Amino acid sequence: MFTFFTDGGVFMYVILFTSIGALALFCERAFYLYLRLGLNVDKAFRRVEIRLEKENYQQAFEEVNRFSNHPLGRTLKTGLLKAGKRDKEIEQALQESILREIPKIKARINYLSMFANVATLLGLLGTIVGLIAAFSGVSEAAAAEKQQILASGISIAMFTTAFGLIVSIPCLVGFYLLSNRGDYLIDKLDEKALGLFNILSNMKRSS
């Protein structure tokens, strides 16, 4: 492994630091999106819905407070606080709450795409530098040294390209995994906010 890095030149270490940053970011975002926001949204909303069907706002608030650290809990609470108001007010409050939650859900995910591009470009830059070093060294070196200089330059070129791709591909996979998870949570948030709006609106009409 050490030979792999030394043969690849200085760009190998730059790509390595890029991969460490990408890994740290992926772990932090995955923990947040999959574990901290791992609430079963359908079941949680159903429990609130049952309380509202009985017109028990107090129990509905208590149920929402159980997952108040989740975007769904904060959004539903915002809607419940507007219960009894005009439909437009309820709708605006829910939309504003969702808009506040979206940046938190999608935060820093795009950096993984950036890390993927940076790793690829660093690999390409290392390739170019390695080839420049190889051919310029060959043109100036004695006949006995040409083969060694050429081999060294090509090693830098190939290793940096390979390592750049080794880092870039998992970054892209991680980006799409987290991005899809974020989109899923936002879609669920929209769905349950609309469900709460319909419940509150129907309760006003029936009262």
C-alpha atoms as a PDB file:
ATOM      1  CA  MET A   1       0.000   0.000   0.000  1.00  0.00           C
ATOM      2  CA  PHE A   2       2.823   2.395   0.868  1.00  0.00           C
ATOM      3  CA  THR A   3       4.479   1.636  -2.479  1.00  0.00           C
ATOM      4  CA  PHE A   4       1.170   2.351  -4.178  1.00  0.00           C
ATOM      5  CA  PHE A   5       1.197   5.866  -2.723  1.00  0.00           C
ATOM      6  CA  THR A   6       4.862   6.605  -3.259  1.00  0.00           C
ATOM      7  CA  ASP A   7       4.693   5.466  -6.888  1.00  0.00           C
ATOM      8  CA  GLY A   8       1.668   7.694  -7.422  1.00  0.00           C
ATOM      9  CA  GLY A   9       3.361  10.851  -6.220  1.00  0.00           C
ATOM     10  CA  VAL A  10       2.097  13.768  -4.146  1.00  0.00           C
ATOM     11  CA  PHE A  11      -1.355  13.834  -5.752  1.00  0.00           C
ATOM     12  CA  MET A  12      -2.123  10.489  -4.131  1.00  0.00           C
ATOM     13  CA  TYR A  13      -2.013  12.110  -0.701  1.00  0.00           C
ATOM     14  CA  VAL A  14      -4.199  15.006  -1.820  1.00  0.00           C
ATOM     15  CA  ILE A  15      -6.781  12.523  -3.114  1.00  0.00           C
ATOM     16  CA  LEU A  16      -6.491  10.583   0.147  1.00  0.00           C
ATOM     17  CA  PHE A  17      -7.335  13.704   2.178  1.00  0.00           C
ATOM     18  CA  THR A  18     -10.275  14.276  -0.173  1.00  0.00           C
ATOM     19  CA  SER A  19     -11.522  10.743   0.487  1.00  0.00           C
ATOM     20  CA  ILE A  20     -11.270  11.251   4.257  1.00  0.00           C
ATOM     21  CA  GLY A  21     -13.347  14.417   4.031  1.00  0.00           C
ATOM     22  CA  ALA A  22     -15.921  12.666   1.859  1.00  0.00           C
ATOM     23  CA  LEU A  23     -16.138   9.684   4.218  1.00  0.00           C
ATOM     24  CA  ALA A  24     -16.625  11.919   7.253  1.00  0.00           C
ATOM     25  CA  LEU A  25     -19.363  13.856   5.466  1.00  0.00           C
ATOM     26  CA  PHE A  26     -21.128  10.697   4.316  1.00  0.00           C
ATOM     27  CA  CYS A  27     -21.094   9.169   7.812  1.00  0.00           C
ATOM     28  CA  GLU A  28     -22.468  12.350   9.399  1.00  0.00           C
ATOM     29  CA  ARG A  29     -25.264  12.742   6.824  1.00  0.00           C
ATOM     30  CA  ALA A  30     -26.120   9.020   6.815  1.00  0.00           C
ATOM     31  CA  PHE A  31     -26.384   9.024  10.611  1.00  0.00           C
ATOM     32  CA  TYR A  32     -28.690  12.030  10.498  1.00  0.00           C
ATOM     33  CA  LEU A  33     -30.916  10.916   7.616  1.00  0.00           C
ATOM     34  CA  TYR A  34     -31.166   7.204   8.365  1.00  0.00           C
ATOM     35  CA  LEU A  35     -30.901   7.051  12.161  1.00  0.00           C
ATOM     36  CA  ARG A  36     -31.961  10.389  13.635  1.00  0.00           C
ATOM     37  CA  LEU A  37     -34.710  10.748  11.028  1.00  0.00           C
ATOM     38  CA  GLY A  38     -35.489   7.036  11.002  1.00  0.00           C
ATOM     39  CA  LEU A  39     -38.978   7.542  12.398  1.00  0.00           C
ATOM     40  CA  ASN A  40     -41.739   5.487  10.794  1.00  0.00           C
ATOM     41  CA  VAL A  41     -43.596   8.460   9.379  1.00  0.00           C
ATOM     42  CA  ASP A  42     -46.767   6.592   8.416  1.00  0.00           C
ATOM     43  CA  LYS A  43     -47.257   5.057  11.868  1.00  0.00           C
ATOM     44  CA  ALA A  44     -46.454   8.315  13.663  1.00  0.00           C
ATOM     45  CA  PHE A  45     -48.935  10.252  11.559  1.00  0.00           C
ATOM     46  CA  ARG A  46     -51.592   7.595  12.009  1.00  0.00           C
ATOM     47  CA  ARG A  47     -51.357   7.929  15.793  1.00  0.00           C
ATOM     48  CA  VAL A  48     -51.925  11.685  15.491  1.00  0.00           C
ATOM     49  CA  GLU A  49     -54.743  11.127  13.020  1.00  0.00           C
ATOM     50  CA  ILE A  50     -56.583   8.788  15.428  1.00  0.00           C
ATOM     51  CA  ARG A  51     -56.524  11.477  18.156  1.00  0.00           C
ATOM     52  CA  LEU A  52     -57.821  14.107  15.747  1.00  0.00           C
ATOM     53  CA  GLU A  53     -60.622  11.837  14.572  1.00  0.00           C
ATOM     54  CA  LYS A  54     -61.803  11.872  18.188  1.00  0.00           C
ATOM     55  CA  GLU A  55     -61.361  15.671  18.173  1.00  0.00           C
ATOM     56  CA  ASN A  56     -58.884  15.362  21.018  1.00  0.00           C
ATOM     57  CA  TYR A  57     -56.410  18.152  20.241  1.00  0.00           C
ATOM     58  CA  GLN A  58     -54.601  17.805  23.553  1.00  0.00           C
ATOM     59  CA  GLN A  59     -53.702  14.164  22.949  1.00  0.00           C
ATOM     60  CA  ALA A  60     -52.766  15.003  19.372  1.00  0.00           C
ATOM     61  CA  PHE A  61     -50.324  17.636  20.669  1.00  0.00           C
ATOM     62  CA  GLU A  62     -48.897  15.160  23.167  1.00  0.00           C
ATOM     63  CA  GLU A  63     -48.409  12.593  20.416  1.00  0.00           C
ATOM     64  CA  VAL A  64     -46.661  15.124  18.163  1.00  0.00           C
ATOM     65  CA  ASN A  65     -44.393  16.179  21.033  1.00  0.00           C
ATOM     66  CA  ARG A  66     -43.082  12.613  21.213  1.00  0.00           C
ATOM     67  CA  PHE A  67     -41.254  13.136  17.937  1.00  0.00           C
ATOM     68  CA  SER A  68     -40.805  16.898  18.070  1.00  0.00           C
ATOM     69  CA  ASN A  69     -37.113  16.494  17.130  1.00  0.00           C
ATOM     70  CA  HIS A  70     -38.207  15.142  13.736  1.00  0.00           C
ATOM     71  CA  PRO A  71     -39.208  17.417  10.810  1.00  0.00           C
ATOM     72  CA  LEU A  72     -42.599  15.711  10.735  1.00  0.00           C
ATOM     73  CA  GLY A  73     -43.226  16.549  14.385  1.00  0.00           C
ATOM     74  CA  ARG A  74     -42.309  20.201  13.924  1.00  0.00           C
ATOM     75  CA  THR A  75     -44.450  20.498  10.798  1.00  0.00           C
ATOM     76  CA  LEU A  76     -47.501  18.819  12.320  1.00  0.00           C
ATOM     77  CA  LYS A  77     -47.187  20.950  15.435  1.00  0.00           C
ATOM     78  CA  THR A  78     -47.162  24.079  13.295  1.00  0.00           C
ATOM     79  CA  GLY A  79     -50.355  22.935  11.616  1.00  0.00           C
ATOM     80  CA  LEU A  80     -52.061  21.993  14.878  1.00  0.00           C
ATOM     81  CA  LEU A  81     -51.345  25.426  16.300  1.00  0.00           C
ATOM     82  CA  LYS A  82     -53.369  26.866  13.426  1.00  0.00           C
ATOM     83  CA  ALA A  83     -56.322  24.528  13.989  1.00  0.00           C
ATOM     84  CA  GLY A  84     -59.570  26.478  13.744  1.00  0.00           C
ATOM     85  CA  LYS A  85     -58.026  29.191  11.573  1.00  0.00           C
ATOM     86  CA  ARG A  86     -58.858  29.810   7.930  1.00  0.00           C
ATOM     87  CA  ASP A  87     -57.713  27.132   5.465  1.00  0.00           C
ATOM     88  CA  LYS A  88     -55.321  29.583   3.827  1.00  0.00           C
ATOM     89  CA  GLU A  89     -53.579  30.277   7.141  1.00  0.00           C
ATOM     90  CA  ILE A  90     -53.194  26.564   7.885  1.00  0.00           C
ATOM     91  CA  GLU A  91     -51.843  25.894   4.405  1.00  0.00           C
ATOM     92  CA  GLN A  92     -49.344  28.771   4.569  1.00  0.00           C
ATOM     93  CA  ALA A  93     -48.114  27.698   8.016  1.00  0.00           C
ATOM     94  CA  LEU A  94     -47.538  24.120   6.822  1.00  0.00           C
ATOM     95  CA  GLN A  95     -45.761  25.268   3.663  1.00  0.00           C
ATOM     96  CA  GLU A  96     -43.501  27.613   5.603  1.00  0.00           C
ATOM     97  CA  SER A  97     -42.630  24.836   8.041  1.00  0.00           C
ATOM     98  CA  ILE A  98     -41.733  22.470   5.199  1.00  0.00           C
ATOM     99  CA  LEU A  99     -39.583  25.148   3.553  1.00  0.00           C
ATOM    100  CA  ARG A 100     -37.694  25.554   6.837  1.00  0.00           C
ATOM    101  CA  GLU A 101     -37.108  21.808   7.079  1.00  0.00           C
ATOM    102  CA  ILE A 102     -35.903  21.174   3.525  1.00  0.00           C
ATOM    103  CA  PRO A 103     -32.475  22.888   3.941  1.00  0.00           C
ATOM    104  CA  LYS A 104     -31.850  20.852   7.109  1.00  0.00           C
ATOM    105  CA  ILE A 105     -32.655  17.589   5.326  1.00  0.00           C
ATOM    106  CA  LYS A 106     -30.613  18.396   2.210  1.00  0.00           C
ATOM    107  CA  ALA A 107     -27.738  20.122   4.022  1.00  0.00           C
ATOM    108  CA  ARG A 108     -24.238  19.363   2.712  1.00  0.00           C
ATOM    109  CA  ILE A 109     -25.323  16.395   0.570  1.00  0.00           C
ATOM    110  CA  ASN A 110     -24.161  18.189  -2.596  1.00  0.00           C
ATOM    111  CA  TYR A 111     -20.630  18.334  -1.182  1.00  0.00           C
ATOM    112  CA  LEU A 112     -20.304  14.611  -1.895  1.00  0.00           C
ATOM    113  CA  SER A 113     -20.786  15.354  -5.584  1.00  0.00           C
ATOM    114  CA  MET A 114     -18.126  18.040  -5.264  1.00  0.00           C
ATOM    115  CA  PHE A 115     -15.721  15.581  -3.607  1.00  0.00           C
ATOM    116  CA  ALA A 116     -16.337  13.105  -6.448  1.00  0.00           C
ATOM    117  CA  ASN A 117     -15.485  15.728  -9.055  1.00  0.00           C
ATOM    118  CA  VAL A 118     -12.447  16.951  -7.132  1.00  0.00           C
ATOM    119  CA  ALA A 119     -11.070  13.394  -6.789  1.00  0.00           C
ATOM    120  CA  THR A 120     -11.546  12.755 -10.505  1.00  0.00           C
ATOM    121  CA  LEU A 121      -9.913  16.049 -11.487  1.00  0.00           C
ATOM    122  CA  LEU A 122      -7.017  15.509  -9.097  1.00  0.00           C
ATOM    123  CA  GLY A 123      -6.477  12.101 -10.654  1.00  0.00           C
ATOM    124  CA  LEU A 124      -6.509  13.685 -14.109  1.00  0.00           C
ATOM    125  CA  LEU A 125      -4.132  16.422 -12.979  1.00  0.00           C
ATOM    126  CA  GLY A 126      -1.791  13.809 -11.542  1.00  0.00           C
ATOM    127  CA  THR A 127      -1.932  11.956 -14.850  1.00  0.00           C
ATOM    128  CA  ILE A 128      -1.003  15.058 -16.813  1.00  0.00           C
ATOM    129  CA  VAL A 129       1.803  15.965 -14.417  1.00  0.00           C
ATOM    130  CA  GLY A 130       3.116  12.390 -14.548  1.00  0.00           C
ATOM    131  CA  LEU A 131       3.130  12.323 -18.347  1.00  0.00           C
ATOM    132  CA  ILE A 132       4.776  15.744 -18.533  1.00  0.00           C
ATOM    133  CA  ALA A 133       7.457  14.576 -16.107  1.00  0.00           C
ATOM    134  CA  ALA A 134       7.951  11.350 -18.062  1.00  0.00           C
ATOM    135  CA  PHE A 135       8.367  12.889 -21.492  1.00  0.00           C
ATOM    136  CA  SER A 136      10.349  15.921 -20.412  1.00  0.00           C
ATOM    137  CA  GLY A 137      12.647  13.702 -18.364  1.00  0.00           C
ATOM    138  CA  VAL A 138      13.136  11.282 -21.244  1.00  0.00           C
ATOM    139  CA  SER A 139      14.064  14.095 -23.624  1.00  0.00           C
ATOM    140  CA  GLU A 140      16.783  15.334 -21.300  1.00  0.00           C
ATOM    141  CA  ALA A 141      18.068  12.078 -19.773  1.00  0.00           C
ATOM    142  CA  ALA A 142      20.842   9.818 -20.866  1.00  0.00           C
ATOM    143  CA  ALA A 143      19.899   6.642 -22.752  1.00  0.00           C
ATOM    144  CA  ALA A 144      20.481   4.427 -19.691  1.00  0.00           C
ATOM    145  CA  GLU A 145      18.080   6.485 -17.538  1.00  0.00           C
ATOM    146  CA  LYS A 146      15.249   6.956 -20.025  1.00  0.00           C
ATOM    147  CA  GLN A 147      13.436   3.732 -19.215  1.00  0.00           C
ATOM    148  CA  GLN A 148      13.421   4.394 -15.469  1.00  0.00           C
ATOM    149  CA  ILE A 149      12.233   8.010 -15.875  1.00  0.00           C
ATOM    150  CA  LEU A 150       9.507   6.967 -18.295  1.00  0.00           C
ATOM    151  CA  ALA A 151       8.321   4.187 -15.980  1.00  0.00           C
ATOM    152  CA  SER A 152       8.225   6.575 -13.003  1.00  0.00           C
ATOM    153  CA  GLY A 153       6.195   9.180 -14.896  1.00  0.00           C
ATOM    154  CA  ILE A 154       3.734   6.633 -16.222  1.00  0.00           C
ATOM    155  CA  SER A 155       3.322   5.171 -12.708  1.00  0.00           C
ATOM    156  CA  ILE A 156       2.323   8.588 -11.400  1.00  0.00           C
ATOM    157  CA  ALA A 157      -0.100   8.982 -14.304  1.00  0.00           C
ATOM    158  CA  MET A 158      -1.777   5.590 -13.907  1.00  0.00           C
ATOM    159  CA  PHE A 159      -1.898   5.432 -10.106  1.00  0.00           C
ATOM    160  CA  THR A 160      -3.393   8.905  -9.687  1.00  0.00           C
ATOM    161  CA  THR A 161      -6.032   8.193 -12.331  1.00  0.00           C
ATOM    162  CA  ALA A 162      -6.962   4.905 -10.685  1.00  0.00           C
ATOM    163  CA  PHE A 163      -7.032   6.316  -7.157  1.00  0.00           C
ATOM    164  CA  GLY A 164      -9.071   9.323  -8.258  1.00  0.00           C
ATOM    165  CA  LEU A 165     -11.702   6.981  -9.692  1.00  0.00           C
ATOM    166  CA  ILE A 166     -11.565   4.704  -6.639  1.00  0.00           C
ATOM    167  CA  VAL A 167     -12.509   7.703  -4.482  1.00  0.00           C
ATOM    168  CA  SER A 168     -14.889   9.322  -6.959  1.00  0.00           C
ATOM    169  CA  ILE A 169     -17.176   6.344  -7.613  1.00  0.00           C
ATOM    170  CA  PRO A 170     -18.138   5.688  -3.945  1.00  0.00           C
ATOM    171  CA  CYS A 171     -18.658   9.443  -3.503  1.00  0.00           C
ATOM    172  CA  LEU A 172     -21.188   9.459  -6.328  1.00  0.00           C
ATOM    173  CA  VAL A 173     -22.931   6.349  -4.968  1.00  0.00           C
ATOM    174  CA  GLY A 174     -23.094   7.969  -1.513  1.00  0.00           C
ATOM    175  CA  PHE A 175     -24.401  11.201  -3.023  1.00  0.00           C
ATOM    176  CA  TYR A 176     -27.287   9.455  -4.782  1.00  0.00           C
ATOM    177  CA  LEU A 177     -28.127   7.345  -1.720  1.00  0.00           C
ATOM    178  CA  LEU A 178     -28.328  10.375   0.562  1.00  0.00           C
ATOM    179  CA  SER A 179     -30.043  12.534  -2.044  1.00  0.00           C
ATOM    180  CA  ASN A 180     -32.726   9.903  -2.605  1.00  0.00           C
ATOM    181  CA  ARG A 181     -33.227   9.515   1.145  1.00  0.00           C
ATOM    182  CA  GLY A 182     -33.610  13.272   1.488  1.00  0.00           C
ATOM    183  CA  ASP A 183     -36.119  13.416  -1.369  1.00  0.00           C
ATOM    184  CA  TYR A 184     -38.086  10.562   0.216  1.00  0.00           C
ATOM    185  CA  LEU A 185     -38.298  12.391   3.551  1.00  0.00           C
ATOM    186  CA  ILE A 186     -39.380  15.629   1.878  1.00  0.00           C
ATOM    187  CA  ASP A 187     -42.064  13.798  -0.124  1.00  0.00           C
ATOM    188  CA  LYS A 188     -43.339  12.182   3.075  1.00  0.00           C
ATOM    189  CA  LEU A 189     -43.367  15.571   4.772  1.00  0.00           C
ATOM    190  CA  ASP A 190     -45.463  17.031   1.944  1.00  0.00           C
ATOM    191  CA  GLU A 191     -47.800  14.045   2.017  1.00  0.00           C
ATOM    192  CA  LYS A 192     -48.439  14.173   5.767  1.00  0.00           C
ATOM    193  CA  ALA A 193     -48.764  17.954   5.812  1.00  0.00           C
ATOM    194  CA  LEU A 194     -51.464  17.684   3.161  1.00  0.00           C
ATOM    195  CA  GLY A 195     -53.108  14.918   5.190  1.00  0.00           C
ATOM    196  CA  LEU A 196     -53.184  17.117   8.294  1.00  0.00           C
ATOM    197  CA  PHE A 197     -54.546  20.036   6.292  1.00  0.00           C
ATOM    198  CA  ASN A 198     -57.395  17.907   4.970  1.00  0.00           C
ATOM    199  CA  ILE A 199     -58.225  16.608   8.442  1.00  0.00           C
ATOM    200  CA  LEU A 200     -58.301  20.081  10.014  1.00  0.00           C
ATOM    201  CA  SER A 201     -60.269  21.500   7.098  1.00  0.00           C
ATOM    202  CA  ASN A 202     -62.883  18.717   7.277  1.00  0.00           C
ATOM    203  CA  MET A 203     -63.177  19.080  11.054  1.00  0.00           C
ATOM    204  CA  LYS A 204     -64.033  22.766  10.649  1.00  0.00           C
ATOM    205  CA  ARG A 205     -66.718  22.032   8.080  1.00  0.00           C
ATOM    206  CA  SER A 206     -68.316  19.307  10.189  1.00  0.00           C
ATOM    207  CA  SER A 207     -68.363  21.395  13.366  1.00  0.00           C
END
